[in-house]
N, C-alpha and C. Protein backbone atom coordinates (compact mmCIF):
# COMPACT_ATOMS: atom_id res chain seq x y z
N MET A 1 71.23 119.60 12.14
CA MET A 1 70.55 120.94 11.92
C MET A 1 69.89 121.42 12.76
N VAL A 2 69.85 122.54 13.35
CA VAL A 2 69.36 123.36 14.73
C VAL A 2 68.18 123.47 14.16
N ASP A 3 67.26 123.17 15.55
CA ASP A 3 65.59 123.52 14.97
C ASP A 3 65.27 124.78 15.47
N ILE A 4 64.59 125.52 14.75
CA ILE A 4 64.16 127.00 14.40
C ILE A 4 63.79 126.41 16.12
N VAL A 5 62.56 126.50 16.06
CA VAL A 5 61.68 126.38 17.76
C VAL A 5 62.89 126.28 18.95
N SER A 6 63.87 125.39 18.95
CA SER A 6 64.75 125.12 19.89
C SER A 6 65.81 126.77 20.06
N TYR A 7 66.17 127.25 19.10
CA TYR A 7 66.94 128.42 18.98
C TYR A 7 66.30 129.33 19.47
N THR A 8 65.13 129.81 18.90
CA THR A 8 63.90 131.16 19.47
C THR A 8 63.94 130.48 20.71
N LEU A 9 63.59 129.32 21.07
CA LEU A 9 63.31 129.40 22.86
C LEU A 9 64.49 129.85 23.93
N VAL A 10 65.64 129.27 23.40
CA VAL A 10 67.11 129.35 23.63
C VAL A 10 67.10 131.07 23.62
N SER A 11 67.17 131.62 22.70
CA SER A 11 67.40 133.43 22.42
C SER A 11 66.36 134.06 23.51
N ILE A 12 65.30 133.68 23.25
CA ILE A 12 64.24 134.45 24.62
C ILE A 12 64.68 133.81 25.75
N THR A 13 65.15 132.68 26.38
CA THR A 13 65.52 132.61 27.57
C THR A 13 66.61 133.53 27.88
N CYS A 14 67.52 133.52 26.92
CA CYS A 14 68.92 134.39 27.29
C CYS A 14 68.45 136.16 27.42
N PHE A 15 67.72 136.49 26.50
CA PHE A 15 67.27 137.44 26.53
C PHE A 15 66.22 138.00 27.75
N CYS A 16 65.49 137.15 28.20
CA CYS A 16 64.80 137.11 29.54
C CYS A 16 66.04 137.46 30.77
N PHE A 17 67.07 136.50 30.84
CA PHE A 17 67.82 136.26 31.34
C PHE A 17 69.07 137.62 31.81
N ARG A 18 68.98 138.25 30.79
CA ARG A 18 69.79 139.58 30.67
C ARG A 18 69.08 140.54 31.42
N LEU A 19 67.82 140.68 31.15
CA LEU A 19 66.84 141.66 31.70
C LEU A 19 67.14 141.61 32.99
N VAL A 20 66.84 140.26 33.50
CA VAL A 20 66.76 140.38 35.50
C VAL A 20 68.34 140.62 35.71
N VAL A 21 69.47 140.17 35.13
CA VAL A 21 70.78 140.19 35.39
C VAL A 21 70.87 142.06 35.61
N SER A 22 70.28 142.52 34.50
CA SER A 22 70.63 144.21 34.58
C SER A 22 69.76 144.58 35.68
N PHE A 23 68.82 144.22 35.76
CA PHE A 23 67.46 144.73 36.91
C PHE A 23 68.63 144.61 37.97
N GLN A 24 69.00 143.47 38.67
CA GLN A 24 69.52 143.27 39.61
C GLN A 24 70.95 144.51 39.79
N ARG A 25 71.71 144.61 38.71
CA ARG A 25 72.72 145.15 38.78
C ARG A 25 72.37 146.47 39.01
N ALA A 26 71.21 147.56 38.59
CA ALA A 26 71.07 148.15 39.08
C ALA A 26 70.61 148.60 40.09
N HIS A 27 69.70 147.42 40.74
CA HIS A 27 69.42 147.32 42.25
C HIS A 27 70.47 147.62 43.11
N ILE A 28 71.50 146.76 42.83
CA ILE A 28 72.47 146.53 43.70
C ILE A 28 73.16 148.27 43.79
N HIS A 29 73.31 148.84 42.34
CA HIS A 29 74.13 150.08 42.49
C HIS A 29 73.31 151.13 43.45
N TYR A 30 71.95 151.06 42.94
CA TYR A 30 71.05 152.22 44.03
C TYR A 30 70.83 151.68 45.14
N CYS A 31 71.18 151.10 45.96
CA CYS A 31 71.00 150.38 47.04
C CYS A 31 72.39 150.72 47.39
N ARG A 32 73.49 150.72 47.14
CA ARG A 32 74.82 151.12 47.51
C ARG A 32 74.86 152.61 47.54
N LYS A 33 74.46 153.41 46.72
CA LYS A 33 74.36 154.73 46.88
C LYS A 33 73.49 155.20 47.82
N GLN A 34 72.27 154.42 47.91
CA GLN A 34 71.83 155.18 49.16
C GLN A 34 71.91 154.80 50.54
N THR A 35 72.83 153.83 50.55
CA THR A 35 73.56 153.41 51.92
C THR A 35 74.53 154.31 52.36
N THR A 36 75.09 154.61 50.95
CA THR A 36 76.13 156.16 51.65
C THR A 36 75.86 157.23 51.69
N LEU A 37 74.80 157.73 50.97
CA LEU A 37 73.99 158.89 51.22
C LEU A 37 73.08 158.49 53.30
N VAL A 38 72.75 157.57 53.34
CA VAL A 38 72.07 157.16 54.50
C VAL A 38 73.21 157.55 55.67
N ARG A 39 74.36 156.86 55.20
CA ARG A 39 75.82 156.52 56.16
C ARG A 39 76.18 158.29 56.57
N ARG A 40 76.34 159.14 55.42
CA ARG A 40 76.68 160.41 55.52
C ARG A 40 75.95 161.69 56.17
N SER A 41 74.64 161.36 56.22
CA SER A 41 73.54 161.82 56.69
C SER A 41 73.45 161.78 58.13
N VAL A 42 73.85 160.16 58.50
CA VAL A 42 73.21 159.95 60.20
C VAL A 42 75.05 160.36 60.86
N SER A 43 76.04 160.51 59.79
CA SER A 43 77.46 161.32 60.47
C SER A 43 77.30 162.42 60.99
N THR A 44 76.92 163.30 59.65
CA THR A 44 76.46 164.64 59.74
C THR A 44 75.40 165.01 60.71
N LYS A 45 74.25 164.09 61.03
CA LYS A 45 73.36 164.34 61.60
C LYS A 45 72.48 165.46 60.89
N THR A 46 72.55 165.77 59.48
CA THR A 46 71.62 166.77 58.98
C THR A 46 71.39 165.96 57.34
N THR A 47 70.39 166.55 56.89
CA THR A 47 70.01 165.99 55.46
C THR A 47 70.76 166.59 54.13
N ALA A 48 71.70 167.30 54.42
CA ALA A 48 72.54 167.97 53.39
C ALA A 48 73.02 167.22 52.42
N PRO A 49 73.65 165.90 52.47
CA PRO A 49 74.28 164.99 51.93
C PRO A 49 72.70 164.43 50.81
N VAL A 50 71.60 163.84 51.11
CA VAL A 50 70.70 163.80 50.26
C VAL A 50 70.31 164.94 49.60
N LEU A 51 70.30 166.26 50.25
CA LEU A 51 69.88 167.45 49.25
C LEU A 51 70.86 167.89 48.03
N ALA A 52 71.71 167.58 48.69
CA ALA A 52 73.36 167.89 47.66
C ALA A 52 72.95 167.34 46.42
N GLU A 53 72.82 165.88 46.59
CA GLU A 53 72.77 164.94 45.83
C GLU A 53 71.47 164.99 45.17
N TYR A 54 70.72 165.27 45.23
CA TYR A 54 69.07 165.65 44.64
C TYR A 54 69.40 166.74 43.49
N GLU A 55 70.38 167.61 44.09
CA GLU A 55 70.74 169.10 43.25
C GLU A 55 71.55 168.54 42.12
N VAL A 56 72.23 167.42 42.29
CA VAL A 56 73.13 167.13 41.44
C VAL A 56 72.20 166.19 40.61
N LEU A 57 71.42 165.34 40.70
CA LEU A 57 70.67 165.02 39.92
C LEU A 57 70.03 165.40 38.59
N LYS A 58 69.52 166.89 39.79
CA LYS A 58 68.28 167.38 38.81
C LYS A 58 69.04 168.30 37.96
N SER A 59 70.33 169.21 38.26
CA SER A 59 70.99 169.55 37.31
C SER A 59 71.55 168.84 35.97
N ARG A 60 71.41 167.07 36.03
CA ARG A 60 71.77 166.23 34.93
C ARG A 60 70.84 166.26 34.10
N LYS A 61 69.56 166.43 34.24
CA LYS A 61 68.40 166.30 33.43
C LYS A 61 68.26 167.71 32.68
């Protein structure tokens, strides 16, 4: 029979691992998005892509 304490500890460990993984995935997603905006801003030599993205995010809320 499985010890209830061991099962609980494994469950807590899995939960914490999922939190760390989801944070990492979100961080990578936003870093890539930020890199794309910076590249577009540098290539156009203006802040228009950043402002356009800000307006899109603002309209979603």
